[in-house]
Amino acid sequence: MFSPEHGFRGTADAGAHIANSTDQATGLPLVSLYGKNKKPTAEALQGIDLLIFDLQDVGVRYYTYLSTLHYVMEAAAEQKIPLLVLDRPNPNGAYVDGPVLDKSYQSFVGMHPIPLLHGMTLGELALMIKAEDWIQQAEQLELYVWPVKNYQRDMPYDLPVRPSPNLPNAQAVALYPSLGFFEATPLSVGRGTNFPFQLLGYTNPPLGNFAFSPVSKAGAALNPPLKNQLVLGLDLRKAKAGGLNLSYLIQAQAVFSKHQLKLFNSPDFMDKLAGSAKLRHQLEQGWSEAQIRQSWQVDLQKFRQQRRPYLLYPDPN
């Protein structure tokens, strides 16, 4: 069995090194695809007749299960092993939004020229990756996708099992496209609390009046940002969530600019998350949400046309 980021059981913290190991529940060997080797090696694939890919994605480009799919597809093509993708619903499937990745910013948190919210399942994306030649030796890949029966991409879908430790519920999954960018800032998104990706705040300057203190949590956030500090910000547990909400970034940028502080203390990482440097520059230059969104529209329209041949489920748009 092969394990992605967060481990085979989805219990490891974001970015935590995943070593080869043995699955305690089954006794089967686990080969890590997060760390030194992100692609299954020829040695690891020896004697395998069929690769089966079954992961619950959340529909956001910088969530790394899509990148793992990319490398699994490439390894299967190179070793001439058939690949079966067991498709699953996309909980953010109703949205096609955000900047399209510029390939010069390609990284493990963004490998394909698709929007931040692509509105596709991993099965549909697998078909697209192969047909668009986004992997080496794509023509050699024997790909099968087992679709989800009766699925519609705009239907509400609450994940029965959390996909990773810090996306524990539907609200966190819905806020993730909007709050993930803050991983490139000194702010806290609630890692180290009971409500990760449902809170947003900072120490000084404060972002709001809601107080929380991140602490070390084994298996979720051993060393979260602003650990053991009093953080003041926003409680988003009951906020309306869905799609990409730029207001949080714009608000934080305004607060930090007022205090002559730099919001993006990891600008290169922000650019990888966004898929280019444009969004960071637009925020720093004080663009409005309407102006930023307008700058995406041509690329989004092209993508909608490009993805059509690969859609397995009705497109509400």
Protein backbone atom coordinates (compact mmCIF):
# COMPACT_ATOMS: atom_id res chain seq x y z
CA MET A 1 0.00 0.00 0.00
CA PHE A 2 1.17 3.53 -0.79
CA SER A 3 0.54 6.50 1.51
CA PRO A 4 0.27 10.21 0.61
CA GLU A 5 0.71 13.31 2.78
CA HIS A 6 -1.00 12.81 6.17
CA GLY A 7 -0.24 9.07 6.01
CA PHE A 8 -2.31 6.06 4.99
CA ARG A 9 -4.81 6.63 7.82
CA GLY A 10 -4.87 10.42 7.36
CA THR A 11 -3.56 11.11 10.87
CA ALA A 12 -0.25 12.93 10.23
CA ASP A 13 0.19 16.71 10.40
CA ALA A 14 0.57 18.78 7.22
CA GLY A 15 4.15 18.64 6.00
CA ALA A 16 5.10 15.92 8.50
CA HIS A 17 7.63 13.44 7.09
CA ILE A 18 5.97 10.12 6.29
CA ALA A 19 8.35 7.17 6.45
CA ASN A 20 7.90 3.68 5.01
CA SER A 21 6.27 1.56 7.67
CA THR A 22 3.78 -1.21 8.38
CA ASP A 23 0.05 -0.56 8.71
CA GLN A 24 -0.88 -1.58 12.25
CA ALA A 25 -4.45 -2.51 11.37
CA THR A 26 -3.63 -4.89 8.50
CA GLY A 27 0.06 -5.71 8.88
CA LEU A 28 0.64 -4.72 5.24
CA PRO A 29 3.75 -2.77 4.21
CA LEU A 30 3.31 0.97 3.57
CA VAL A 31 5.42 2.82 1.01
CA SER A 32 5.46 6.58 1.57
CA LEU A 33 4.77 8.90 -1.36
CA TYR A 34 5.36 12.00 0.75
CA GLY A 35 8.95 12.91 1.47
CA LYS A 36 12.00 11.89 -0.50
CA ASN A 37 10.08 9.79 -3.04
CA LYS A 38 6.82 11.30 -4.23
CA LYS A 39 6.54 8.85 -7.13
CA PRO A 40 6.36 5.05 -6.72
CA THR A 41 9.70 3.57 -7.73
CA ALA A 42 10.12 0.75 -10.24
CA GLU A 43 11.30 -1.43 -7.36
CA ALA A 44 8.17 -0.70 -5.28
CA LEU A 45 5.95 -1.57 -8.26
CA GLN A 46 7.60 -4.91 -9.03
CA GLY A 47 5.04 -7.71 -9.22
CA ILE A 48 2.04 -5.37 -9.16
CA ASP A 49 -0.62 -6.17 -11.79
CA LEU A 50 -2.98 -3.25 -11.09
CA LEU A 51 -2.64 0.02 -9.21
CA ILE A 52 -5.79 1.27 -7.47
CA PHE A 53 -6.00 4.94 -6.48
CA ASP A 54 -8.62 5.76 -3.84
CA LEU A 55 -8.27 9.08 -1.99
CA GLN A 56 -10.82 11.63 -0.81
CA ASP A 57 -9.82 14.97 -2.33
CA VAL A 58 -11.26 18.36 -1.32
CA GLY A 59 -11.22 20.03 -4.75
CA VAL A 60 -8.54 22.67 -4.08
CA ARG A 61 -5.44 22.79 -6.29
CA TYR A 62 -2.96 23.14 -3.44
CA TYR A 63 -4.29 20.10 -1.57
CA THR A 64 -1.58 17.57 -2.39
CA TYR A 65 -3.62 14.42 -3.10
CA LEU A 66 -3.94 15.64 -6.71
CA SER A 67 -0.14 15.90 -6.95
CA THR A 68 0.16 12.35 -5.62
CA LEU A 69 -2.29 11.22 -8.31
CA HIS A 70 -0.05 12.90 -10.91
CA TYR A 71 3.02 10.94 -9.81
CA VAL A 72 1.13 7.65 -9.44
CA MET A 73 -0.16 8.07 -13.01
CA GLU A 74 3.32 8.80 -14.30
CA ALA A 75 4.82 5.77 -12.52
CA ALA A 76 2.04 3.52 -13.84
CA ALA A 77 2.68 4.76 -17.39
CA GLU A 78 6.43 4.24 -17.15
CA GLN A 79 6.09 0.73 -15.70
CA LYS A 80 3.16 -0.17 -18.00
CA ILE A 81 0.87 -1.03 -15.07
CA PRO A 82 -2.88 -0.36 -15.47
CA LEU A 83 -4.30 2.26 -13.08
CA LEU A 84 -7.84 2.22 -11.70
CA VAL A 85 -9.08 5.44 -10.07
CA LEU A 86 -12.00 4.91 -7.72
CA ASP A 87 -13.71 8.27 -7.99
CA ARG A 88 -15.16 10.19 -5.04
CA PRO A 89 -17.29 13.35 -4.77
CA ASN A 90 -15.65 16.76 -4.63
CA PRO A 91 -17.08 18.64 -1.60
CA ASN A 92 -16.15 21.93 -3.35
CA GLY A 93 -17.33 20.66 -6.74
CA ALA A 94 -19.85 23.46 -7.37
CA TYR A 95 -17.12 26.07 -7.82
CA VAL A 96 -14.73 26.98 -10.64
CA ASP A 97 -12.86 29.98 -9.27
CA GLY A 98 -9.52 31.56 -8.52
CA PRO A 99 -6.34 32.11 -10.51
CA VAL A 100 -5.18 29.51 -13.04
CA LEU A 101 -1.68 28.25 -12.32
CA ASP A 102 1.20 29.58 -14.43
CA LYS A 103 3.39 26.55 -15.18
CA SER A 104 6.54 28.47 -14.24
CA TYR A 105 5.22 28.31 -10.64
CA GLN A 106 4.69 24.55 -10.72
CA SER A 107 5.34 22.78 -7.41
CA PHE A 108 3.96 19.96 -5.28
CA VAL A 109 1.20 22.34 -4.10
CA GLY A 110 0.25 23.10 -7.70
CA MET A 111 1.28 20.96 -10.66
CA HIS A 112 -1.31 21.69 -13.35
CA PRO A 113 -2.59 24.78 -15.21
CA ILE A 114 -5.99 24.65 -13.52
CA PRO A 115 -7.84 27.12 -11.25
CA LEU A 116 -7.54 27.04 -7.48
CA LEU A 117 -11.09 25.63 -7.42
CA HIS A 118 -11.42 23.43 -10.49
CA GLY A 119 -14.82 21.88 -9.77
CA MET A 120 -13.66 18.41 -10.88
CA THR A 121 -13.26 15.03 -9.23
CA LEU A 122 -9.92 13.23 -9.15
CA GLY A 123 -11.29 10.77 -11.70
CA GLU A 124 -12.09 13.57 -14.12
CA LEU A 125 -8.71 15.17 -13.48
CA ALA A 126 -6.97 11.85 -14.15
CA LEU A 127 -8.64 11.75 -17.58
CA MET A 128 -7.56 15.34 -18.20
CA ILE A 129 -3.96 14.81 -17.05
CA LYS A 130 -3.57 11.86 -19.43
CA ALA A 131 -5.26 13.43 -22.46
CA GLU A 132 -3.51 16.78 -22.05
CA ASP A 133 -0.07 15.07 -21.77
CA TRP A 134 0.63 16.56 -18.36
CA ILE A 135 2.63 13.47 -17.39
CA GLN A 136 5.54 11.77 -19.11
CA GLN A 137 4.62 8.85 -21.40
CA ALA A 138 0.93 9.68 -21.01
CA GLU A 139 0.05 7.71 -24.14
CA GLN A 140 1.31 4.50 -22.48
CA LEU A 141 -0.98 4.77 -19.46
CA GLU A 142 -3.83 2.26 -19.33
CA LEU A 143 -6.28 4.31 -17.26
CA TYR A 144 -9.67 3.31 -15.88
CA VAL A 145 -11.99 5.52 -13.82
CA TRP A 146 -14.81 4.01 -11.76
CA PRO A 147 -17.37 6.85 -11.53
CA VAL A 148 -19.65 7.74 -8.62
CA LYS A 149 -23.25 6.69 -9.23
CA ASN A 150 -25.87 9.47 -9.27
CA TYR A 151 -23.32 12.16 -8.38
CA GLN A 152 -23.91 15.81 -9.25
CA ARG A 153 -21.06 18.23 -8.61
CA ASP A 154 -23.27 20.89 -7.00
CA MET A 155 -24.84 18.51 -4.46
CA PRO A 156 -23.87 19.02 -0.79
CA TYR A 157 -21.40 16.38 0.34
CA ASP A 158 -20.16 16.02 3.91
CA LEU A 159 -17.05 13.82 3.99
CA PRO A 160 -17.71 10.68 6.08
CA VAL A 161 -14.03 10.50 7.07
CA ARG A 162 -11.87 13.58 7.50
CA PRO A 163 -9.29 13.74 4.68
CA SER A 164 -6.58 15.09 7.00
CA PRO A 165 -6.25 16.03 10.68
CA ASN A 166 -6.83 19.75 10.18
CA LEU A 167 -9.92 19.43 7.97
CA PRO A 168 -12.20 17.83 10.56
CA ASN A 169 -15.63 18.87 9.23
CA ALA A 170 -17.60 20.36 6.34
CA GLN A 171 -17.08 23.95 7.53
CA ALA A 172 -13.28 23.57 7.51
CA VAL A 173 -13.39 21.98 4.04
CA ALA A 174 -15.57 24.84 2.76
CA LEU A 175 -13.27 27.51 4.24
CA TYR A 176 -10.04 25.80 3.16
CA PRO A 177 -9.85 27.43 -0.32
CA SER A 178 -10.04 30.88 1.31
CA LEU A 179 -7.87 30.27 4.38
CA GLY A 180 -5.15 28.06 2.87
CA PHE A 181 -3.30 31.13 1.60
CA PHE A 182 -2.65 32.21 5.19
CA GLU A 183 -0.12 29.36 5.49
CA ALA A 184 2.23 31.84 3.75
CA THR A 185 1.63 34.46 6.47
CA PRO A 186 2.37 34.66 10.22
CA LEU A 187 -1.36 34.39 11.02
CA SER A 188 -3.07 31.41 12.64
CA VAL A 189 -5.89 29.57 10.87
CA GLY A 190 -6.66 27.64 14.04
CA ARG A 191 -4.08 24.87 13.79
CA GLY A 192 -3.47 23.70 17.34
CA THR A 193 -7.09 24.33 18.38
CA ASN A 194 -10.21 22.19 18.15
CA PHE A 195 -11.35 24.26 15.17
CA PRO A 196 -8.59 24.27 12.52
CA PHE A 197 -9.42 26.21 9.34
CA GLN A 198 -12.40 27.75 11.14
CA LEU A 199 -10.51 30.52 12.97
CA LEU A 200 -8.26 33.31 11.75
CA GLY A 201 -6.19 35.69 13.82
CA TYR A 202 -2.95 37.26 14.93
CA THR A 203 -1.36 38.59 18.13
CA ASN A 204 -0.50 42.21 17.33
CA PRO A 205 -2.09 43.73 15.37
CA PRO A 206 -5.27 41.78 16.16
CA LEU A 207 -7.58 40.80 13.33
CA GLY A 208 -10.74 40.79 15.43
CA ASN A 209 -12.11 40.29 18.95
CA PHE A 210 -12.36 36.49 19.16
CA ALA A 211 -9.60 35.12 21.42
CA PHE A 212 -7.92 31.72 21.06
CA SER A 213 -4.56 30.13 21.88
CA PRO A 214 -3.04 27.42 19.66
CA VAL A 215 -1.30 24.59 21.53
CA SER A 216 0.68 21.56 20.44
CA LYS A 217 -1.60 18.72 19.36
CA ALA A 218 -0.11 15.31 18.59
CA GLY A 219 -1.12 14.02 15.18
CA ALA A 220 -2.54 17.37 14.10
CA ALA A 221 -0.24 20.29 14.90
CA LEU A 222 2.88 19.67 16.97
CA ASN A 223 4.23 23.18 16.45
CA PRO A 224 1.38 25.37 15.20
CA PRO A 225 1.86 29.06 14.32
CA LEU A 226 1.57 31.37 17.38
CA LYS A 227 1.74 28.37 19.74
CA ASN A 228 0.81 29.21 23.34
CA GLN A 229 0.12 32.84 22.45
CA LEU A 230 -3.07 34.84 22.83
CA VAL A 231 -4.48 35.29 19.33
CA LEU A 232 -7.25 37.75 18.49
CA GLY A 233 -9.26 37.37 15.32
CA LEU A 234 -12.32 35.89 13.66
CA ASP A 235 -14.52 32.97 14.66
CA LEU A 236 -15.67 31.48 11.34
CA ARG A 237 -17.29 28.31 12.68
CA LYS A 238 -20.75 29.55 11.67
CA ALA A 239 -19.72 31.92 8.87
CA LYS A 240 -21.23 31.47 5.44
CA ALA A 241 -18.67 29.43 3.56
CA GLY A 242 -18.36 28.19 -0.01
CA GLY A 243 -16.07 28.88 -2.92
CA LEU A 244 -13.25 31.41 -2.69
CA ASN A 245 -13.76 34.35 -0.34
CA LEU A 246 -11.06 37.00 -0.84
CA SER A 247 -12.37 39.30 1.90
CA TYR A 248 -10.23 37.61 4.58
CA LEU A 249 -7.02 38.24 2.62
CA ILE A 250 -8.04 41.80 1.78
CA GLN A 251 -8.92 42.53 5.42
CA ALA A 252 -5.66 41.09 6.74
CA GLN A 253 -3.64 42.99 4.12
CA ALA A 254 -5.34 46.24 5.12
CA VAL A 255 -4.63 45.69 8.83
CA PHE A 256 -0.99 44.79 8.24
CA SER A 257 -0.46 47.67 5.80
CA LYS A 258 -1.90 50.12 8.35
CA HIS A 259 0.79 49.00 10.79
CA GLN A 260 3.53 49.03 8.12
CA LEU A 261 3.88 45.25 8.39
CA LYS A 262 4.37 42.66 5.65
CA LEU A 263 1.52 40.15 5.46
CA PHE A 264 3.27 37.55 3.32
CA ASN A 265 6.38 36.54 5.24
CA SER A 266 6.77 33.56 2.85
CA PRO A 267 6.15 35.27 -0.51
CA ASP A 268 7.57 32.42 -2.60
CA PHE A 269 5.23 29.95 -0.91
CA MET A 270 2.29 32.31 -1.39
CA ASP A 271 3.07 32.46 -5.10
CA LYS A 272 3.17 28.66 -5.29
CA LEU A 273 -0.20 28.43 -3.54
CA ALA A 274 -1.72 31.07 -5.81
CA GLY A 275 -0.07 29.69 -8.95
CA SER A 276 1.71 32.96 -9.78
CA ALA A 277 2.89 36.19 -8.14
CA LYS A 278 -0.11 38.15 -9.47
CA LEU A 279 -2.49 37.64 -6.55
CA ARG A 280 0.12 38.67 -3.97
CA HIS A 281 0.99 41.79 -5.96
CA GLN A 282 -2.69 42.67 -6.44
CA LEU A 283 -3.34 42.40 -2.70
CA GLU A 284 -0.25 44.43 -1.81
CA GLN A 285 -1.29 47.10 -4.32
CA GLY A 286 -4.75 47.39 -2.78
CA TRP A 287 -6.84 45.94 -5.60
CA SER A 288 -10.52 45.41 -4.80
CA GLU A 289 -12.10 41.95 -4.81
CA ALA A 290 -13.99 42.84 -7.99
CA GLN A 291 -10.77 43.91 -9.76
CA ILE A 292 -8.94 40.75 -8.70
CA ARG A 293 -11.79 38.49 -9.78
CA GLN A 294 -12.05 40.24 -13.14
CA SER A 295 -8.40 39.47 -13.83
CA TRP A 296 -9.17 35.70 -13.71
CA GLN A 297 -12.17 35.58 -16.01
CA VAL A 298 -10.50 34.99 -19.40
CA ASP A 299 -8.40 32.11 -18.03
CA LEU A 300 -11.40 30.61 -16.20
CA GLN A 301 -13.49 30.64 -19.37
CA LYS A 302 -10.70 28.89 -21.30
CA PHE A 303 -10.44 26.28 -18.58
CA ARG A 304 -14.18 25.59 -18.59
CA GLN A 305 -13.96 24.86 -22.31
CA GLN A 306 -10.80 22.79 -21.92
CA ARG A 307 -12.23 20.55 -19.19
CA ARG A 308 -15.51 19.71 -20.96
CA PRO A 309 -14.34 16.50 -22.70
CA TYR A 310 -13.29 15.01 -19.35
CA LEU A 311 -16.41 15.65 -17.25
CA LEU A 312 -18.14 12.48 -16.03
CA TYR A 313 -20.98 14.26 -14.21
CA PRO A 314 -23.45 17.02 -15.17
CA ASP A 315 -22.02 20.54 -15.28
CA PRO A 316 -24.45 22.98 -13.58
CA ASN A 317 -22.71 25.86 -15.35
